[in-house]
Amino acid sequence: PVSSFNIGLIFGGRPNPALKAHRSFLKKNYTEALDIFNEILNVNPNHHNQEAIRIERDKLEDSLVTRYYRDVRTILNKGNIQNAHALLQQGEQPPGRDIEIAVRRMKTEISDSALIRVAQSLKELDYEAAEDLILLALKSDATCYPIAKVLLARSYIIRATILYHSGVFGRSLYWLKQADGLSDQYSMLTSDLRQKIGDGRLDDANEGILKEDRQMVYESMKEAKSLNPVLSEIVDEHLKDLER
């Protein structure tokens, strides 16, 4: 409604729920005003000024969504990228081109901030935090995948390295395999770690000998050879005996 009109006449000539809703709208009590308008239309769908009510209700919805995305901006400015992303996910289609562009920029900003934090987490060997942040970055902006997969490969290699030093060679190899294909940047590093895991699997074979577990000895030696071919000289004869 144009401000020069008498609002009371537009909405029925006397104070009524529609006028109350309009006054709430002017006071920026958007949620309260929207609830009143919806109630009017639900109770009285044939209201004589339903078109004016619907127009103002649509304005209210746009105002609420606009304020909603401004709240996301405020949260993002405080560096809380997880909450900002969660709030954006709850939003509906942004009203208008300007807000749509702003939302897209916020999503990119969340993704960029997450990837920066990934690098710091990896320096601290906190691979779990790093992988959570990588997932957040991808959810917020899928175009970051080329960078994210390199960081993810690095995270998997850190997992593998920690497990190797803990003597858990099978799980170490599992995470090393997860890193395969994500990036060629760490090929020398993964090759070296595979050889070390091969040496570790040879230790597993020695443990199998002590336990008189031929199957454990055979599988450990076979994998040790595949991971570090240099070990062929040590294990080939034993493998032949075990196969026989």
C-alpha atoms as a PDB file:
ATOM      1  CA  PRO A   1       0.000   0.000   0.000  1.00  0.00           C
ATOM      2  CA  VAL A   2       1.216   3.498  -0.833  1.00  0.00           C
ATOM      3  CA  SER A   3       2.096   5.516   2.260  1.00  0.00           C
ATOM      4  CA  SER A   4      -0.230   8.380   1.249  1.00  0.00           C
ATOM      5  CA  PHE A   5      -3.307   6.122   1.525  1.00  0.00           C
ATOM      6  CA  ASN A   6      -5.296   5.805   4.694  1.00  0.00           C
ATOM      7  CA  ILE A   7      -4.347   2.296   5.846  1.00  0.00           C
ATOM      8  CA  GLY A   8      -7.524   1.965   7.901  1.00  0.00           C
ATOM      9  CA  LEU A   9      -9.690   2.507   4.792  1.00  0.00           C
ATOM     10  CA  ILE A  10      -7.664   0.059   2.700  1.00  0.00           C
ATOM     11  CA  PHE A  11      -8.025  -2.697   5.260  1.00  0.00           C
ATOM     12  CA  GLY A  12     -11.682  -2.142   6.148  1.00  0.00           C
ATOM     13  CA  GLY A  13     -12.169   1.377   7.517  1.00  0.00           C
ATOM     14  CA  ARG A  14     -11.404   0.630  11.169  1.00  0.00           C
ATOM     15  CA  PRO A  15      -8.658  -0.975  13.270  1.00  0.00           C
ATOM     16  CA  ASN A  16      -8.521  -4.677  12.471  1.00  0.00           C
ATOM     17  CA  PRO A  17      -6.020  -7.583  12.315  1.00  0.00           C
ATOM     18  CA  ALA A  18      -4.793  -6.516   8.874  1.00  0.00           C
ATOM     19  CA  LEU A  19      -3.997  -3.020  10.162  1.00  0.00           C
ATOM     20  CA  LYS A  20      -2.295  -4.528  13.206  1.00  0.00           C
ATOM     21  CA  ALA A  21      -0.178  -6.706  10.900  1.00  0.00           C
ATOM     22  CA  HIS A  22       0.743  -3.689   8.773  1.00  0.00           C
ATOM     23  CA  ARG A  23       1.813  -1.715  11.838  1.00  0.00           C
ATOM     24  CA  SER A  24       3.960  -4.659  12.955  1.00  0.00           C
ATOM     25  CA  PHE A  25       5.508  -4.675   9.493  1.00  0.00           C
ATOM     26  CA  LEU A  26       6.381  -0.970   9.774  1.00  0.00           C
ATOM     27  CA  LYS A  27       7.979  -1.672  13.169  1.00  0.00           C
ATOM     28  CA  LYS A  28      10.005  -4.476  11.500  1.00  0.00           C
ATOM     29  CA  ASN A  29       8.274  -7.127  13.608  1.00  0.00           C
ATOM     30  CA  TYR A  30       8.222  -9.252  10.477  1.00  0.00           C
ATOM     31  CA  THR A  31       7.505 -12.631  12.032  1.00  0.00           C
ATOM     32  CA  GLU A  32       4.561 -11.310  14.055  1.00  0.00           C
ATOM     33  CA  ALA A  33       3.108  -9.500  11.027  1.00  0.00           C
ATOM     34  CA  LEU A  34       3.499 -12.557   8.789  1.00  0.00           C
ATOM     35  CA  ASP A  35       1.715 -14.766  11.316  1.00  0.00           C
ATOM     36  CA  ILE A  36      -1.239 -12.327  11.460  1.00  0.00           C
ATOM     37  CA  PHE A  37      -1.519 -12.079   7.674  1.00  0.00           C
ATOM     38  CA  ASN A  38      -1.425 -15.855   7.271  1.00  0.00           C
ATOM     39  CA  GLU A  39      -4.089 -16.254   9.936  1.00  0.00           C
ATOM     40  CA  ILE A  40      -6.349 -13.709   8.190  1.00  0.00           C
ATOM     41  CA  LEU A  41      -6.061 -15.505   4.852  1.00  0.00           C
ATOM     42  CA  ASN A  42      -6.562 -18.932   6.425  1.00  0.00           C
ATOM     43  CA  VAL A  43      -9.628 -17.892   8.449  1.00  0.00           C
ATOM     44  CA  ASN A  44     -11.117 -15.643   5.798  1.00  0.00           C
ATOM     45  CA  PRO A  45      -9.799 -16.591   2.332  1.00  0.00           C
ATOM     46  CA  ASN A  46     -12.441 -14.344   0.708  1.00  0.00           C
ATOM     47  CA  HIS A  47     -11.423 -11.241   2.621  1.00  0.00           C
ATOM     48  CA  HIS A  48     -12.533  -8.134   0.667  1.00  0.00           C
ATOM     49  CA  ASN A  49      -8.936  -6.832   0.639  1.00  0.00           C
ATOM     50  CA  GLN A  50      -7.206 -10.174   0.183  1.00  0.00           C
ATOM     51  CA  GLU A  51      -5.134  -8.900  -2.771  1.00  0.00           C
ATOM     52  CA  ALA A  52      -3.657  -6.061  -0.692  1.00  0.00           C
ATOM     53  CA  ILE A  53      -3.005  -8.504   2.149  1.00  0.00           C
ATOM     54  CA  ARG A  54      -1.270 -10.946  -0.161  1.00  0.00           C
ATOM     55  CA  ILE A  55       0.920  -8.192  -1.622  1.00  0.00           C
ATOM     56  CA  GLU A  56       2.063  -7.058   1.809  1.00  0.00           C
ATOM     57  CA  ARG A  57       2.533 -10.652   2.981  1.00  0.00           C
ATOM     58  CA  ASP A  58       4.851 -11.272   0.005  1.00  0.00           C
ATOM     59  CA  LYS A  59       6.834  -8.182   0.965  1.00  0.00           C
ATOM     60  CA  LEU A  60       7.079  -9.530   4.491  1.00  0.00           C
ATOM     61  CA  GLU A  61       8.399 -12.878   3.306  1.00  0.00           C
ATOM     62  CA  ASP A  62      11.036 -11.116   1.199  1.00  0.00           C
ATOM     63  CA  SER A  63      12.011  -8.932   4.161  1.00  0.00           C
ATOM     64  CA  LEU A  64      12.339 -11.974   6.426  1.00  0.00           C
ATOM     65  CA  VAL A  65      14.514 -13.853   3.954  1.00  0.00           C
ATOM     66  CA  THR A  66      16.657 -10.779   3.333  1.00  0.00           C
ATOM     67  CA  ARG A  67      17.216 -10.349   7.074  1.00  0.00           C
ATOM     68  CA  TYR A  68      17.874 -14.075   7.335  1.00  0.00           C
ATOM     69  CA  TYR A  69      20.763 -13.870   4.864  1.00  0.00           C
ATOM     70  CA  ARG A  70      22.088 -10.785   6.615  1.00  0.00           C
ATOM     71  CA  ASP A  71      22.213 -12.888   9.789  1.00  0.00           C
ATOM     72  CA  VAL A  72      24.312 -15.426   7.879  1.00  0.00           C
ATOM     73  CA  ARG A  73      26.639 -12.613   6.838  1.00  0.00           C
ATOM     74  CA  THR A  74      27.005 -11.514  10.469  1.00  0.00           C
ATOM     75  CA  ILE A  75      27.837 -15.051  11.612  1.00  0.00           C
ATOM     76  CA  LEU A  76      30.302 -15.469   8.761  1.00  0.00           C
ATOM     77  CA  ASN A  77      32.044 -12.203   9.641  1.00  0.00           C
ATOM     78  CA  LYS A  78      32.693 -13.672  13.087  1.00  0.00           C
ATOM     79  CA  GLY A  79      34.500 -16.594  11.459  1.00  0.00           C
ATOM     80  CA  ASN A  80      31.943 -19.241  12.418  1.00  0.00           C
ATOM     81  CA  ILE A  81      31.852 -20.942   9.025  1.00  0.00           C
ATOM     82  CA  GLN A  82      30.119 -24.121  10.231  1.00  0.00           C
ATOM     83  CA  ASN A  83      27.106 -22.242  11.617  1.00  0.00           C
ATOM     84  CA  ALA A  84      26.979 -19.933   8.608  1.00  0.00           C
ATOM     85  CA  HIS A  85      26.882 -22.921   6.267  1.00  0.00           C
ATOM     86  CA  ALA A  86      24.199 -24.655   8.346  1.00  0.00           C
ATOM     87  CA  LEU A  87      22.032 -21.516   8.288  1.00  0.00           C
ATOM     88  CA  LEU A  88      22.431 -21.126   4.520  1.00  0.00           C
ATOM     89  CA  GLN A  89      21.317 -24.730   4.046  1.00  0.00           C
ATOM     90  CA  GLN A  90      18.049 -23.947   5.845  1.00  0.00           C
ATOM     91  CA  GLY A  91      17.245 -21.015   3.580  1.00  0.00           C
ATOM     92  CA  GLU A  92      14.905 -21.083   0.630  1.00  0.00           C
ATOM     93  CA  GLN A  93      15.396 -19.465  -2.771  1.00  0.00           C
ATOM     94  CA  PRO A  94      16.829 -15.962  -2.153  1.00  0.00           C
ATOM     95  CA  PRO A  95      14.466 -13.157  -3.218  1.00  0.00           C
ATOM     96  CA  GLY A  96      16.045 -11.121  -5.995  1.00  0.00           C
ATOM     97  CA  ARG A  97      19.225 -11.246  -7.988  1.00  0.00           C
ATOM     98  CA  ASP A  98      21.324  -9.172  -5.564  1.00  0.00           C
ATOM     99  CA  ILE A  99      20.761 -11.481  -2.601  1.00  0.00           C
ATOM    100  CA  GLU A 100      21.303 -14.524  -4.813  1.00  0.00           C
ATOM    101  CA  ILE A 101      24.724 -13.164  -5.804  1.00  0.00           C
ATOM    102  CA  ALA A 102      25.505 -12.320  -2.171  1.00  0.00           C
ATOM    103  CA  VAL A 103      24.594 -15.866  -1.082  1.00  0.00           C
ATOM    104  CA  ARG A 104      26.812 -17.358  -3.781  1.00  0.00           C
ATOM    105  CA  ARG A 105      29.711 -15.204  -2.600  1.00  0.00           C
ATOM    106  CA  MET A 106      29.136 -16.256   1.009  1.00  0.00           C
ATOM    107  CA  LYS A 107      29.213 -19.921   0.015  1.00  0.00           C
ATOM    108  CA  THR A 108      32.508 -19.374  -1.813  1.00  0.00           C
ATOM    109  CA  GLU A 109      33.872 -17.516   1.203  1.00  0.00           C
ATOM    110  CA  ILE A 110      32.900 -20.396   3.506  1.00  0.00           C
ATOM    111  CA  SER A 111      34.630 -22.851   1.187  1.00  0.00           C
ATOM    112  CA  ASP A 112      37.814 -20.749   0.923  1.00  0.00           C
ATOM    113  CA  SER A 113      37.976 -20.233   4.694  1.00  0.00           C
ATOM    114  CA  ALA A 114      37.475 -23.949   5.306  1.00  0.00           C
ATOM    115  CA  LEU A 115      40.337 -24.881   2.962  1.00  0.00           C
ATOM    116  CA  ILE A 116      42.669 -22.392   4.662  1.00  0.00           C
ATOM    117  CA  ARG A 117      41.846 -24.024   7.999  1.00  0.00           C
ATOM    118  CA  VAL A 118      42.444 -27.465   6.477  1.00  0.00           C
ATOM    119  CA  ALA A 119      46.047 -26.522   5.763  1.00  0.00           C
ATOM    120  CA  GLN A 120      46.531 -25.476   9.391  1.00  0.00           C
ATOM    121  CA  SER A 121      44.904 -28.669  10.709  1.00  0.00           C
ATOM    122  CA  LEU A 122      47.201 -30.792   8.549  1.00  0.00           C
ATOM    123  CA  LYS A 123      50.244 -28.965   9.910  1.00  0.00           C
ATOM    124  CA  GLU A 124      49.027 -29.990  13.365  1.00  0.00           C
ATOM    125  CA  LEU A 125      48.426 -33.580  12.108  1.00  0.00           C
ATOM    126  CA  ASP A 126      44.744 -33.233  13.045  1.00  0.00           C
ATOM    127  CA  TYR A 127      43.446 -35.225  10.084  1.00  0.00           C
ATOM    128  CA  GLU A 128      39.919 -35.620  11.489  1.00  0.00           C
ATOM    129  CA  ALA A 129      39.392 -31.855  11.737  1.00  0.00           C
ATOM    130  CA  ALA A 130      40.958 -31.444   8.295  1.00  0.00           C
ATOM    131  CA  GLU A 131      38.603 -33.951   6.684  1.00  0.00           C
ATOM    132  CA  ASP A 132      35.549 -32.357   8.336  1.00  0.00           C
ATOM    133  CA  LEU A 133      36.610 -28.997   6.928  1.00  0.00           C
ATOM    134  CA  ILE A 134      37.221 -30.472   3.470  1.00  0.00           C
ATOM    135  CA  LEU A 135      33.696 -31.876   3.490  1.00  0.00           C
ATOM    136  CA  LEU A 136      32.329 -28.488   4.565  1.00  0.00           C
ATOM    137  CA  ALA A 137      34.221 -26.778   1.736  1.00  0.00           C
ATOM    138  CA  LEU A 138      32.846 -29.201  -0.855  1.00  0.00           C
ATOM    139  CA  LYS A 139      29.284 -28.892   0.424  1.00  0.00           C
ATOM    140  CA  SER A 140      29.504 -25.119   0.293  1.00  0.00           C
ATOM    141  CA  ASP A 141      31.167 -24.865  -3.120  1.00  0.00           C
ATOM    142  CA  ALA A 142      31.711 -28.002  -5.192  1.00  0.00           C
ATOM    143  CA  THR A 143      34.022 -26.147  -7.591  1.00  0.00           C
ATOM    144  CA  CYS A 144      36.804 -26.379  -4.981  1.00  0.00           C
ATOM    145  CA  TYR A 145      37.137 -30.138  -5.641  1.00  0.00           C
ATOM    146  CA  PRO A 146      40.535 -29.955  -7.451  1.00  0.00           C
ATOM    147  CA  ILE A 147      42.099 -28.305  -4.386  1.00  0.00           C
ATOM    148  CA  ALA A 148      40.108 -30.352  -1.879  1.00  0.00           C
ATOM    149  CA  LYS A 149      41.199 -33.712  -3.287  1.00  0.00           C
ATOM    150  CA  VAL A 150      44.898 -32.778  -2.981  1.00  0.00           C
ATOM    151  CA  LEU A 151      44.359 -31.829   0.662  1.00  0.00           C
ATOM    152  CA  LEU A 152      42.346 -34.999   1.227  1.00  0.00           C
ATOM    153  CA  ALA A 153      45.163 -37.103  -0.195  1.00  0.00           C
ATOM    154  CA  ARG A 154      47.543 -35.390   2.208  1.00  0.00           C
ATOM    155  CA  SER A 155      45.214 -36.122   5.117  1.00  0.00           C
ATOM    156  CA  TYR A 156      45.009 -39.824   4.197  1.00  0.00           C
ATOM    157  CA  ILE A 157      48.797 -40.029   3.959  1.00  0.00           C
ATOM    158  CA  ILE A 158      49.101 -38.503   7.428  1.00  0.00           C
ATOM    159  CA  ARG A 159      46.658 -41.132   8.725  1.00  0.00           C
ATOM    160  CA  ALA A 160      48.718 -43.853   7.055  1.00  0.00           C
ATOM    161  CA  THR A 161      51.984 -42.512   8.460  1.00  0.00           C
ATOM    162  CA  ILE A 162      50.666 -42.310  12.027  1.00  0.00           C
ATOM    163  CA  LEU A 163      49.331 -45.867  11.808  1.00  0.00           C
ATOM    164  CA  TYR A 164      52.631 -47.106  10.352  1.00  0.00           C
ATOM    165  CA  HIS A 165      54.572 -45.646  13.276  1.00  0.00           C
ATOM    166  CA  SER A 166      52.054 -47.308  15.605  1.00  0.00           C
ATOM    167  CA  GLY A 167      52.816 -50.673  13.984  1.00  0.00           C
ATOM    168  CA  VAL A 168      49.320 -51.018  12.490  1.00  0.00           C
ATOM    169  CA  PHE A 169      50.494 -51.843   8.983  1.00  0.00           C
ATOM    170  CA  GLY A 170      47.274 -53.185   7.473  1.00  0.00           C
ATOM    171  CA  ARG A 171      45.249 -50.064   8.337  1.00  0.00           C
ATOM    172  CA  SER A 172      48.148 -47.894   7.270  1.00  0.00           C
ATOM    173  CA  LEU A 173      48.096 -49.487   3.842  1.00  0.00           C
ATOM    174  CA  TYR A 174      44.309 -49.058   3.671  1.00  0.00           C
ATOM    175  CA  TRP A 175      44.541 -45.268   4.053  1.00  0.00           C
ATOM    176  CA  LEU A 176      47.451 -45.132   1.662  1.00  0.00           C
ATOM    177  CA  LYS A 177      45.266 -46.801  -0.952  1.00  0.00           C
ATOM    178  CA  GLN A 178      42.520 -44.227  -0.291  1.00  0.00           C
ATOM    179  CA  ALA A 179      45.011 -41.522  -1.253  1.00  0.00           C
ATOM    180  CA  ASP A 180      45.777 -43.235  -4.570  1.00  0.00           C
ATOM    181  CA  GLY A 181      44.325 -41.422  -7.549  1.00  0.00           C
ATOM    182  CA  LEU A 182      43.504 -38.236  -5.660  1.00  0.00           C
ATOM    183  CA  SER A 183      46.793 -36.540  -6.498  1.00  0.00           C
ATOM    184  CA  ASP A 184      50.144 -37.355  -8.109  1.00  0.00           C
ATOM    185  CA  GLN A 185      51.806 -34.699  -5.988  1.00  0.00           C
ATOM    186  CA  TYR A 186      52.747 -37.181  -3.250  1.00  0.00           C
ATOM    187  CA  SER A 187      53.775 -40.166  -5.400  1.00  0.00           C
ATOM    188  CA  MET A 188      57.366 -40.246  -4.092  1.00  0.00           C
ATOM    189  CA  LEU A 189      56.152 -39.957  -0.519  1.00  0.00           C
ATOM    190  CA  THR A 190      53.596 -42.745  -0.876  1.00  0.00           C
ATOM    191  CA  SER A 191      56.097 -44.976  -2.669  1.00  0.00           C
ATOM    192  CA  ASP A 192      58.558 -44.603   0.193  1.00  0.00           C
ATOM    193  CA  LEU A 193      55.850 -45.266   2.785  1.00  0.00           C
ATOM    194  CA  ARG A 194      54.732 -48.393   0.908  1.00  0.00           C
ATOM    195  CA  GLN A 195      58.237 -49.791   1.106  1.00  0.00           C
ATOM    196  CA  LYS A 196      58.337 -49.092   4.826  1.00  0.00           C
ATOM    197  CA  ILE A 197      54.964 -50.788   5.285  1.00  0.00           C
ATOM    198  CA  GLY A 198      56.401 -53.742   3.339  1.00  0.00           C
ATOM    199  CA  ASP A 199      59.225 -53.948   5.859  1.00  0.00           C
ATOM    200  CA  GLY A 200      56.609 -53.772   8.608  1.00  0.00           C
ATOM    201  CA  ARG A 201      54.659 -56.640   7.050  1.00  0.00           C
ATOM    202  CA  LEU A 202      57.862 -58.663   7.170  1.00  0.00           C
ATOM    203  CA  ASP A 203      57.882 -58.061  10.917  1.00  0.00           C
ATOM    204  CA  ASP A 204      54.321 -59.422  10.939  1.00  0.00           C
ATOM    205  CA  ALA A 205      55.628 -62.532   9.170  1.00  0.00           C
ATOM    206  CA  ASN A 206      58.213 -63.004  11.904  1.00  0.00           C
ATOM    207  CA  GLU A 207      55.444 -62.733  14.478  1.00  0.00           C
ATOM    208  CA  GLY A 208      53.517 -65.382  12.530  1.00  0.00           C
ATOM    209  CA  ILE A 209      56.532 -67.679  12.706  1.00  0.00           C
ATOM    210  CA  LEU A 210      56.645 -67.304  16.474  1.00  0.00           C
ATOM    211  CA  LYS A 211      52.921 -68.105  16.620  1.00  0.00           C
ATOM    212  CA  GLU A 212      53.394 -71.002  14.194  1.00  0.00           C
ATOM    213  CA  ASP A 213      50.644 -69.441  12.081  1.00  0.00           C
ATOM    214  CA  ARG A 214      51.577 -70.432   8.515  1.00  0.00           C
ATOM    215  CA  GLN A 215      48.702 -68.505   6.937  1.00  0.00           C
ATOM    216  CA  MET A 216      49.786 -65.299   8.690  1.00  0.00           C
ATOM    217  CA  VAL A 217      53.391 -65.860   7.632  1.00  0.00           C
ATOM    218  CA  TYR A 218      52.407 -66.501   4.022  1.00  0.00           C
ATOM    219  CA  GLU A 219      50.074 -63.484   3.675  1.00  0.00           C
ATOM    220  CA  SER A 220      52.499 -61.134   5.429  1.00  0.00           C
ATOM    221  CA  MET A 221      55.464 -62.206   3.292  1.00  0.00           C
ATOM    222  CA  LYS A 222      53.459 -62.024   0.088  1.00  0.00           C
ATOM    223  CA  GLU A 223      52.255 -58.504   0.815  1.00  0.00           C
ATOM    224  CA  ALA A 224      55.708 -57.442   2.010  1.00  0.00           C
ATOM    225  CA  LYS A 225      57.142 -58.523  -1.347  1.00  0.00           C
ATOM    226  CA  SER A 226      54.421 -56.700  -3.325  1.00  0.00           C
ATOM    227  CA  LEU A 227      55.022 -53.496  -1.389  1.00  0.00           C
ATOM    228  CA  ASN A 228      58.814 -53.680  -1.427  1.00  0.00           C
ATOM    229  CA  PRO A 229      60.131 -55.870  -4.276  1.00  0.00           C
ATOM    230  CA  VAL A 230      63.634 -55.722  -2.802  1.00  0.00           C
ATOM    231  CA  LEU A 231      62.401 -58.175  -0.160  1.00  0.00           C
ATOM    232  CA  SER A 232      62.045 -60.891  -2.832  1.00  0.00           C
ATOM    233  CA  GLU A 233      65.534 -62.120  -2.021  1.00  0.00           C
ATOM    234  CA  ILE A 234      64.468 -62.736   1.557  1.00  0.00           C
ATOM    235  CA  VAL A 235      60.960 -64.150   1.164  1.00  0.00           C
ATOM    236  CA  ASP A 236      60.835 -66.013  -2.187  1.00  0.00           C
ATOM    237  CA  GLU A 237      62.183 -69.304  -0.881  1.00  0.00           C
ATOM    238  CA  HIS A 238      59.934 -69.170   2.169  1.00  0.00           C
ATOM    239  CA  LEU A 239      56.911 -68.433  -0.009  1.00  0.00           C
ATOM    240  CA  LYS A 240      57.667 -71.447  -2.202  1.00  0.00           C
ATOM    241  CA  ASP A 241      57.956 -73.680   0.847  1.00  0.00           C
ATOM    242  CA  LEU A 242      54.690 -72.369   2.243  1.00  0.00           C
ATOM    243  CA  GLU A 243      52.901 -72.794  -1.064  1.00  0.00           C
ATOM    244  CA  ARG A 244      54.095 -76.392  -1.258  1.00  0.00           C
END
